[in-house]
């Protein structure tokens, strides 16, 4: 299945879906053993206001890469928490 944001270095490949959830994790040989098996591996943020998973509907995500590079440029904004994350 195609993934929205694949990131790798030759021996490690991590692939994120459209909700910025890890779905594939290959190590030490890309394409051999998928340690995530396509299952979601989520991450979240803890603030004084509470905890929020990054794939919750409250988050506005912009997934992409920096111009003319293979460096990710993912921005996540949560209005209620007043929080913006940038993941490269």
PDB file of N, CA and C in Angstrom:
ATOM      1  N   UNK A   1       0.842  -1.180   0.000  1.00  0.00           N
ATOM      2  CA  UNK A   1       0.000   0.000   0.000  1.00  0.00           C
ATOM      3  C   UNK A   1       0.887   1.244   0.000  1.00  0.00           C
ATOM      4  N   UNK A   2       0.586   2.231  -0.820  1.00  0.00           N
ATOM      5  CA  UNK A   2       1.400   3.444  -0.853  1.00  0.00           C
ATOM      6  C   UNK A   2       1.261   4.241   0.446  1.00  0.00           C
ATOM      7  N   UNK A   3       2.342   4.896   0.818  1.00  0.00           N
ATOM      8  CA  UNK A   3       2.350   5.735   2.018  1.00  0.00           C
ATOM      9  C   UNK A   3       2.659   7.167   1.619  1.00  0.00           C
ATOM     10  N   UNK A   4       2.180   8.092   2.425  1.00  0.00           N
ATOM     11  CA  UNK A   4       2.308   9.512   2.094  1.00  0.00           C
ATOM     12  C   UNK A   4       3.699  10.081   2.336  1.00  0.00           C
ATOM     13  N   UNK A   5       4.349   9.682   3.425  1.00  0.00           N
ATOM     14  CA  UNK A   5       5.661  10.234   3.775  1.00  0.00           C
ATOM     15  C   UNK A   5       6.619   9.087   4.123  1.00  0.00           C
ATOM     16  N   UNK A   6       7.338   8.545   3.134  1.00  0.00           N
ATOM     17  CA  UNK A   6       8.382   7.566   3.458  1.00  0.00           C
ATOM     18  C   UNK A   6       9.703   8.279   3.759  1.00  0.00           C
ATOM     19  N   UNK A   7      10.400   7.810   4.794  1.00  0.00           N
ATOM     20  CA  UNK A   7      11.679   8.392   5.197  1.00  0.00           C
ATOM     21  C   UNK A   7      12.649   7.242   5.460  1.00  0.00           C
ATOM     22  N   UNK A   8      13.829   7.295   4.857  1.00  0.00           N
ATOM     23  CA  UNK A   8      14.776   6.211   5.065  1.00  0.00           C
ATOM     24  C   UNK A   8      16.213   6.641   4.886  1.00  0.00           C
ATOM     25  N   UNK A   9      17.113   5.721   5.269  1.00  0.00           N
ATOM     26  CA  UNK A   9      18.540   6.002   5.134  1.00  0.00           C
ATOM     27  C   UNK A   9      19.313   4.828   4.536  1.00  0.00           C
ATOM     28  N   UNK A  10      18.642   3.846   4.011  1.00  0.00           N
ATOM     29  CA  UNK A  10      19.317   2.694   3.427  1.00  0.00           C
ATOM     30  C   UNK A  10      19.139   1.432   4.247  1.00  0.00           C
ATOM     31  N   UNK A  11      19.198   1.534   5.571  1.00  0.00           N
ATOM     32  CA  UNK A  11      18.962   0.367   6.414  1.00  0.00           C
ATOM     33  C   UNK A  11      17.715   0.522   7.282  1.00  0.00           C
ATOM     34  N   UNK A  12      17.145   1.709   7.324  1.00  0.00           N
ATOM     35  CA  UNK A  12      15.920   1.977   8.084  1.00  0.00           C
ATOM     36  C   UNK A  12      14.949   2.718   7.182  1.00  0.00           C
ATOM     37  N   UNK A  13      13.706   2.252   7.144  1.00  0.00           N
ATOM     38  CA  UNK A  13      12.649   2.953   6.408  1.00  0.00           C
ATOM     39  C   UNK A  13      11.442   3.069   7.317  1.00  0.00           C
ATOM     40  N   UNK A  14      10.973   4.286   7.509  1.00  0.00           N
ATOM     41  CA  UNK A  14       9.760   4.559   8.273  1.00  0.00           C
ATOM     42  C   UNK A  14       8.788   5.222   7.315  1.00  0.00           C
ATOM     43  N   UNK A  15       7.557   4.699   7.243  1.00  0.00           N
ATOM     44  CA  UNK A  15       6.565   5.254   6.321  1.00  0.00           C
ATOM     45  C   UNK A  15       5.336   5.705   7.104  1.00  0.00           C
ATOM     46  N   UNK A  16       4.942   6.965   6.871  1.00  0.00           N
ATOM     47  CA  UNK A  16       3.792   7.570   7.540  1.00  0.00           C
ATOM     48  C   UNK A  16       2.607   7.607   6.586  1.00  0.00           C
ATOM     49  N   UNK A  17       1.394   7.469   7.131  1.00  0.00           N
ATOM     50  CA  UNK A  17       0.192   7.595   6.308  1.00  0.00           C
ATOM     51  C   UNK A  17      -0.296   9.045   6.308  1.00  0.00           C
ATOM     52  N   UNK A  18      -1.476   9.288   5.750  1.00  0.00           N
ATOM     53  CA  UNK A  18      -2.010  10.647   5.612  1.00  0.00           C
ATOM     54  C   UNK A  18      -2.320  11.305   6.957  1.00  0.00           C
ATOM     55  N   UNK A  19      -2.484  10.507   8.027  1.00  0.00           N
ATOM     56  CA  UNK A  19      -2.732  11.040   9.369  1.00  0.00           C
ATOM     57  C   UNK A  19      -1.445  11.204  10.170  1.00  0.00           C
ATOM     58  N   UNK A  20      -0.307  11.087   9.506  1.00  0.00           N
ATOM     59  CA  UNK A  20       1.024  11.159  10.109  1.00  0.00           C
ATOM     60  C   UNK A  20       1.180  10.118  11.209  1.00  0.00           C
ATOM     61  N   UNK A  21       0.696   8.918  10.906  1.00  0.00           N
ATOM     62  CA  UNK A  21       0.828   7.759  11.768  1.00  0.00           C
ATOM     63  C   UNK A  21       1.813   6.801  11.116  1.00  0.00           C
ATOM     64  N   UNK A  22       2.778   6.304  11.879  1.00  0.00           N
ATOM     65  CA  UNK A  22       3.718   5.323  11.322  1.00  0.00           C
ATOM     66  C   UNK A  22       2.948   4.053  10.997  1.00  0.00           C
ATOM     67  N   UNK A  23       3.096   3.563   9.769  1.00  0.00           N
ATOM     68  CA  UNK A  23       2.456   2.322   9.337  1.00  0.00           C
ATOM     69  C   UNK A  23       3.456   1.238   8.968  1.00  0.00           C
ATOM     70  N   UNK A  24       4.652   1.646   8.536  1.00  0.00           N
ATOM     71  CA  UNK A  24       5.671   0.679   8.138  1.00  0.00           C
ATOM     72  C   UNK A  24       6.995   1.054   8.781  1.00  0.00           C
ATOM     73  N   UNK A  25       7.700   0.037   9.270  1.00  0.00           N
ATOM     74  CA  UNK A  25       9.016   0.244   9.859  1.00  0.00           C
ATOM     75  C   UNK A  25       9.889  -0.948   9.467  1.00  0.00           C
ATOM     76  N   UNK A  26      10.815  -0.687   8.572  1.00  0.00           N
ATOM     77  CA  UNK A  26      11.715  -1.732   8.088  1.00  0.00           C
ATOM     78  C   UNK A  26      13.111  -1.508   8.645  1.00  0.00           C
ATOM     79  N   UNK A  27      13.683  -2.567   9.244  1.00  0.00           N
ATOM     80  CA  UNK A  27      15.050  -2.512   9.754  1.00  0.00           C
ATOM     81  C   UNK A  27      15.518  -3.936   9.999  1.00  0.00           C
ATOM     82  N   UNK A  28      16.692  -4.345   9.704  1.00  0.00           N
ATOM     83  CA  UNK A  28      17.806  -3.606   9.134  1.00  0.00           C
ATOM     84  C   UNK A  28      17.842  -3.653   7.612  1.00  0.00           C
ATOM     85  N   UNK A  29      16.898  -4.366   6.995  1.00  0.00           N
ATOM     86  CA  UNK A  29      16.886  -4.448   5.534  1.00  0.00           C
ATOM     87  C   UNK A  29      15.554  -3.922   5.014  1.00  0.00           C
ATOM     88  N   UNK A  30      15.628  -2.823   4.292  1.00  0.00           N
ATOM     89  CA  UNK A  30      14.422  -2.199   3.751  1.00  0.00           C
ATOM     90  C   UNK A  30      13.740  -3.183   2.808  1.00  0.00           C
ATOM     91  N   UNK A  31      12.440  -3.392   3.009  1.00  0.00           N
ATOM     92  CA  UNK A  31      11.664  -4.283   2.161  1.00  0.00           C
ATOM     93  C   UNK A  31      11.573  -5.707   2.668  1.00  0.00           C
ATOM     94  N   UNK A  32      12.319  -6.056   3.694  1.00  0.00           N
ATOM     95  CA  UNK A  32      12.273  -7.425   4.233  1.00  0.00           C
ATOM     96  C   UNK A  32      11.231  -7.518   5.343  1.00  0.00           C
ATOM     97  N   UNK A  33      11.625  -7.331   6.593  1.00  0.00           N
ATOM     98  CA  UNK A  33      10.696  -7.472   7.709  1.00  0.00           C
ATOM     99  C   UNK A  33      10.077  -6.125   8.069  1.00  0.00           C
ATOM    100  N   UNK A  34       8.752  -6.056   7.960  1.00  0.00           N
ATOM    101  CA  UNK A  34       8.030  -4.844   8.348  1.00  0.00           C
ATOM    102  C   UNK A  34       7.646  -4.996   9.816  1.00  0.00           C
ATOM    103  N   UNK A  35       8.349  -4.323  10.699  1.00  0.00           N
ATOM    104  CA  UNK A  35       8.129  -4.488  12.133  1.00  0.00           C
ATOM    105  C   UNK A  35       6.799  -3.899  12.600  1.00  0.00           C
ATOM    106  N   UNK A  36       6.237  -2.981  11.853  1.00  0.00           N
ATOM    107  CA  UNK A  36       4.928  -2.419  12.216  1.00  0.00           C
ATOM    108  C   UNK A  36       3.791  -3.238  11.613  1.00  0.00           C
ATOM    109  N   UNK A  37       4.080  -4.014  10.585  1.00  0.00           N
ATOM    110  CA  UNK A  37       3.089  -4.860   9.911  1.00  0.00           C
ATOM    111  C   UNK A  37       1.882  -4.076   9.409  1.00  0.00           C
ATOM    112  N   UNK A  38       2.052  -2.794   9.157  1.00  0.00           N
ATOM    113  CA  UNK A  38       0.948  -1.967   8.680  1.00  0.00           C
ATOM    114  C   UNK A  38       0.033  -1.468   9.784  1.00  0.00           C
ATOM    115  N   UNK A  39       0.287  -1.888  11.024  1.00  0.00           N
ATOM    116  CA  UNK A  39      -0.521  -1.435  12.158  1.00  0.00           C
ATOM    117  C   UNK A  39      -0.101  -0.018  12.558  1.00  0.00           C
ATOM    118  N   UNK A  40      -1.027   0.773  13.088  1.00  0.00           N
ATOM    119  CA  UNK A  40      -0.693   2.159  13.427  1.00  0.00           C
ATOM    120  C   UNK A  40       0.217   2.270  14.652  1.00  0.00           C
ATOM    121  N   UNK A  41       1.209   3.133  14.558  1.00  0.00           N
ATOM    122  CA  UNK A  41       2.077   3.511  15.680  1.00  0.00           C
ATOM    123  C   UNK A  41       1.901   5.020  15.831  1.00  0.00           C
ATOM    124  N   UNK A  42       1.124   5.428  16.808  1.00  0.00           N
ATOM    125  CA  UNK A  42       0.776   6.840  16.941  1.00  0.00           C
ATOM    126  C   UNK A  42       1.701   7.552  17.910  1.00  0.00           C
ATOM    127  N   UNK A  43       1.703   8.877  17.822  1.00  0.00           N
ATOM    128  CA  UNK A  43       2.350   9.677  18.847  1.00  0.00           C
ATOM    129  C   UNK A  43       1.440  10.840  19.180  1.00  0.00           C
ATOM    130  N   UNK A  44       1.646  11.382  20.359  1.00  0.00           N
ATOM    131  CA  UNK A  44       0.795  12.463  20.808  1.00  0.00           C
ATOM    132  C   UNK A  44       1.578  13.519  21.555  1.00  0.00           C
ATOM    133  N   UNK A  45       0.841  14.500  22.054  1.00  0.00           N
ATOM    134  CA  UNK A  45       1.432  15.642  22.742  1.00  0.00           C
ATOM    135  C   UNK A  45       0.711  15.828  24.074  1.00  0.00           C
ATOM    136  N   UNK A  46       1.492  16.011  25.131  1.00  0.00           N
ATOM    137  CA  UNK A  46       0.944  16.287  26.450  1.00  0.00           C
ATOM    138  C   UNK A  46       1.206  17.747  26.792  1.00  0.00           C
ATOM    139  N   UNK A  47       0.135  18.474  27.136  1.00  0.00           N
ATOM    140  CA  UNK A  47       0.258  19.862  27.575  1.00  0.00           C
ATOM    141  C   UNK A  47      -0.535  20.024  28.866  1.00  0.00           C
ATOM    142  N   UNK A  48      -0.523  21.205  29.412  1.00  0.00           N
ATOM    143  CA  UNK A  48      -1.338  21.477  30.606  1.00  0.00           C
ATOM    144  C   UNK A  48      -2.824  21.303  30.310  1.00  0.00           C
ATOM    145  N   UNK A  49      -3.183  21.481  29.057  1.00  0.00           N
ATOM    146  CA  UNK A  49      -4.582  21.344  28.638  1.00  0.00           C
ATOM    147  C   UNK A  49      -5.001  19.885  28.482  1.00  0.00           C
ATOM    148  N   UNK A  50      -4.052  18.973  28.470  1.00  0.00           N
ATOM    149  CA  UNK A  50      -4.359  17.558  28.322  1.00  0.00           C
ATOM    150  C   UNK A  50      -3.530  16.906  27.228  1.00  0.00           C
ATOM    151  N   UNK A  51      -3.911  15.691  26.888  1.00  0.00           N
ATOM    152  CA  UNK A  51      -3.182  14.882  25.906  1.00  0.00           C
ATOM    153  C   UNK A  51      -3.960  14.851  24.601  1.00  0.00           C
ATOM    154  N   UNK A  52      -3.234  14.863  23.499  1.00  0.00           N
ATOM    155  CA  UNK A  52      -3.887  14.791  22.195  1.00  0.00           C
ATOM    156  C   UNK A  52      -3.033  13.965  21.241  1.00  0.00           C
ATOM    157  N   UNK A  53      -3.650  12.958  20.635  1.00  0.00           N
ATOM    158  CA  UNK A  53      -2.972  12.186  19.597  1.00  0.00           C
ATOM    159  C   UNK A  53      -2.873  13.041  18.342  1.00  0.00           C
ATOM    160  N   UNK A  54      -1.751  12.938  17.658  1.00  0.00           N
ATOM    161  CA  UNK A  54      -1.506  13.760  16.469  1.00  0.00           C
ATOM    162  C   UNK A  54      -2.489  13.441  15.339  1.00  0.00           C
ATOM    163  N   UNK A  55      -3.085  12.247  15.354  1.00  0.00           N
ATOM    164  CA  UNK A  55      -4.019  11.891  14.286  1.00  0.00           C
ATOM    165  C   UNK A  55      -5.474  12.233  14.629  1.00  0.00           C
ATOM    166  N   UNK A  56      -5.701  12.937  15.746  1.00  0.00           N
ATOM    167  CA  UNK A  56      -7.059  13.367  16.097  1.00  0.00           C
ATOM    168  C   UNK A  56      -7.545  14.415  15.100  1.00  0.00           C
ATOM    169  N   UNK A  57      -8.834  14.486  14.910  1.00  0.00           N
ATOM    170  CA  UNK A  57      -9.413  15.404  13.923  1.00  0.00           C
ATOM    171  C   UNK A  57      -9.130  16.875  14.234  1.00  0.00           C
ATOM    172  N   UNK A  58      -8.827  17.190  15.498  1.00  0.00           N
ATOM    173  CA  UNK A  58      -8.537  18.583  15.874  1.00  0.00           C
ATOM    174  C   UNK A  58      -7.241  19.098  15.256  1.00  0.00           C
ATOM    175  N   UNK A  59      -6.346  18.194  14.879  1.00  0.00           N
ATOM    176  CA  UNK A  59      -5.065  18.590  14.293  1.00  0.00           C
ATOM    177  C   UNK A  59      -5.230  18.872  12.814  1.00  0.00           C
ATOM    178  N   UNK A  60      -4.655  19.957  12.362  1.00  0.00           N
ATOM    179  CA  UNK A  60      -4.594  20.286  10.932  1.00  0.00           C
ATOM    180  C   UNK A  60      -3.186  19.950  10.471  1.00  0.00           C
ATOM    181  N   UNK A  61      -3.080  19.029   9.525  1.00  0.00           N
ATOM    182  CA  UNK A  61      -1.776  18.538   9.074  1.00  0.00           C
ATOM    183  C   UNK A  61      -1.452  19.026   7.673  1.00  0.00           C
ATOM    184  N   UNK A  62      -0.196  19.355   7.455  1.00  0.00           N
ATOM    185  CA  UNK A  62       0.329  19.672   6.122  1.00  0.00           C
ATOM    186  C   UNK A  62       1.570  18.806   5.942  1.00  0.00           C
ATOM    187  N   UNK A  63       1.442  17.752   5.138  1.00  0.00           N
ATOM    188  CA  UNK A  63       2.532  16.811   4.932  1.00  0.00           C
ATOM    189  C   UNK A  63       3.255  17.110   3.637  1.00  0.00           C
ATOM    190  N   UNK A  64       4.573  17.092   3.685  1.00  0.00           N
ATOM    191  CA  UNK A  64       5.346  17.320   2.476  1.00  0.00           C
ATOM    192  C   UNK A  64       6.831  17.237   2.741  1.00  0.00           C
ATOM    193  N   UNK A  65       7.585  17.707   1.768  1.00  0.00           N
ATOM    194  CA  UNK A  65       9.040  17.722   1.848  1.00  0.00           C
ATOM    195  C   UNK A  65       9.530  19.140   1.605  1.00  0.00           C
ATOM    196  N   UNK A  66      10.695  19.462   2.134  1.00  0.00           N
ATOM    197  CA  UNK A  66      11.310  20.751   1.830  1.00  0.00           C
ATOM    198  C   UNK A  66      11.642  20.786   0.343  1.00  0.00           C
ATOM    199  N   UNK A  67      11.586  21.971  -0.221  1.00  0.00           N
ATOM    200  CA  UNK A  67      11.773  22.140  -1.662  1.00  0.00           C
ATOM    201  C   UNK A  67      13.097  21.530  -2.139  1.00  0.00           C
ATOM    202  N   UNK A  68      12.989  20.713  -3.177  1.00  0.00           N
ATOM    203  CA  UNK A  68      14.127  20.082  -3.858  1.00  0.00           C
ATOM    204  C   UNK A  68      15.002  19.254  -2.924  1.00  0.00           C
ATOM    205  N   UNK A  69      14.383  18.639  -1.892  1.00  0.00           N
ATOM    206  CA  UNK A  69      15.112  17.761  -0.970  1.00  0.00           C
ATOM    207  C   UNK A  69      14.256  16.543  -0.649  1.00  0.00           C
ATOM    208  N   UNK A  70      14.837  15.608   0.076  1.00  0.00           N
ATOM    209  CA  UNK A  70      14.093  14.481   0.626  1.00  0.00           C
ATOM    210  C   UNK A  70      13.949  14.629   2.138  1.00  0.00           C
ATOM    211  N   UNK A  71      14.037  15.873   2.625  1.00  0.00           N
ATOM    212  CA  UNK A  71      13.852  16.181   4.042  1.00  0.00           C
ATOM    213  C   UNK A  71      12.376  16.493   4.260  1.00  0.00           C
ATOM    214  N   UNK A  72      11.756  15.791   5.207  1.00  0.00           N
ATOM    215  CA  UNK A  72      10.332  16.011   5.438  1.00  0.00           C
ATOM    216  C   UNK A  72      10.072  17.407   5.981  1.00  0.00           C
ATOM    217  N   UNK A  73       8.889  17.899   5.684  1.00  0.00           N
ATOM    218  CA  UNK A  73       8.422  19.179   6.213  1.00  0.00           C
ATOM    219  C   UNK A  73       6.952  18.985   6.558  1.00  0.00           C
ATOM    220  N   UNK A  74       6.727  18.482   7.758  1.00  0.00           N
ATOM    221  CA  UNK A  74       5.368  18.201   8.215  1.00  0.00           C
ATOM    222  C   UNK A  74       5.019  19.226   9.280  1.00  0.00           C
ATOM    223  N   UNK A  75       3.893  19.899   9.072  1.00  0.00           N
ATOM    224  CA  UNK A  75       3.417  20.882  10.037  1.00  0.00           C
ATOM    225  C   UNK A  75       2.080  20.409  10.594  1.00  0.00           C
ATOM    226  N   UNK A  76       1.954  20.498  11.915  1.00  0.00           N
ATOM    227  CA  UNK A  76       0.724  20.101  12.589  1.00  0.00           C
ATOM    228  C   UNK A  76       0.298  21.248  13.502  1.00  0.00           C
ATOM    229  N   UNK A  77      -0.962  21.660  13.392  1.00  0.00           N
ATOM    230  CA  UNK A  77      -1.475  22.783  14.174  1.00  0.00           C
ATOM    231  C   UNK A  77      -2.718  22.344  14.935  1.00  0.00           C
ATOM    232  N   UNK A  78      -2.759  22.668  16.225  1.00  0.00           N
ATOM    233  CA  UNK A  78      -3.907  22.356  17.080  1.00  0.00           C
ATOM    234  C   UNK A  78      -4.390  23.672  17.678  1.00  0.00           C
ATOM    235  N   UNK A  79      -5.521  24.154  17.200  1.00  0.00           N
ATOM    236  CA  UNK A  79      -6.005  25.482  17.595  1.00  0.00           C
ATOM    237  C   UNK A  79      -6.330  25.569  19.082  1.00  0.00           C
ATOM    238  N   UNK A  80      -7.067  24.595  19.629  1.00  0.00           N
ATOM    239  CA  UNK A  80      -7.473  24.653  21.034  1.00  0.00           C
ATOM    240  C   UNK A  80      -6.266  24.665  21.970  1.00  0.00           C
ATOM    241  N   UNK A  81      -5.240  23.885  21.636  1.00  0.00           N
ATOM    242  CA  UNK A  81      -4.034  23.851  22.460  1.00  0.00           C
ATOM    243  C   UNK A  81      -3.098  25.013  22.156  1.00  0.00           C
ATOM    244  N   UNK A  82      -3.345  25.716  21.043  1.00  0.00           N
ATOM    245  CA  UNK A  82      -2.467  26.808  20.641  1.00  0.00           C
ATOM    246  C   UNK A  82      -1.062  26.310  20.349  1.00  0.00           C
ATOM    247  N   UNK A  83      -0.996  25.171  19.675  1.00  0.00           N
ATOM    248  CA  UNK A  83       0.281  24.502  19.474  1.00  0.00           C
ATOM    249  C   UNK A  83       0.523  24.228  18.001  1.00  0.00           C
ATOM    250  N   UNK A  84       1.748  24.477  17.555  1.00  0.00           N
ATOM    251  CA  UNK A  84       2.150  24.129  16.195  1.00  0.00           C
ATOM    252  C   UNK A  84       3.444  23.336  16.268  1.00  0.00           C
ATOM    253  N   UNK A  85       3.474  22.190  15.586  1.00  0.00           N
ATOM    254  CA  UNK A  85       4.662  21.348  15.524  1.00  0.00           C
ATOM    255  C   UNK A  85       5.199  21.347  14.107  1.00  0.00           C
ATOM    256  N   UNK A  86       6.504  21.313  13.974  1.00  0.00           N
ATOM    257  CA  UNK A  86       7.155  21.123  12.685  1.00  0.00           C
ATOM    258  C   UNK A  86       8.074  19.927  12.827  1.00  0.00           C
ATOM    259  N   UNK A  87       7.888  18.936  11.974  1.00  0.00           N
ATOM    260  CA  UNK A  87       8.703  17.716  12.011  1.00  0.00           C
ATOM    261  C   UNK A  87       9.496  17.609  10.724  1.00  0.00           C
ATOM    262  N   UNK A  88      10.810  17.542  10.848  1.00  0.00           N
ATOM    263  CA  UNK A  88      11.701  17.394   9.697  1.00  0.00           C
ATOM    264  C   UNK A  88      12.447  16.088   9.814  1.00  0.00           C
TER     265      UNK A  88
END
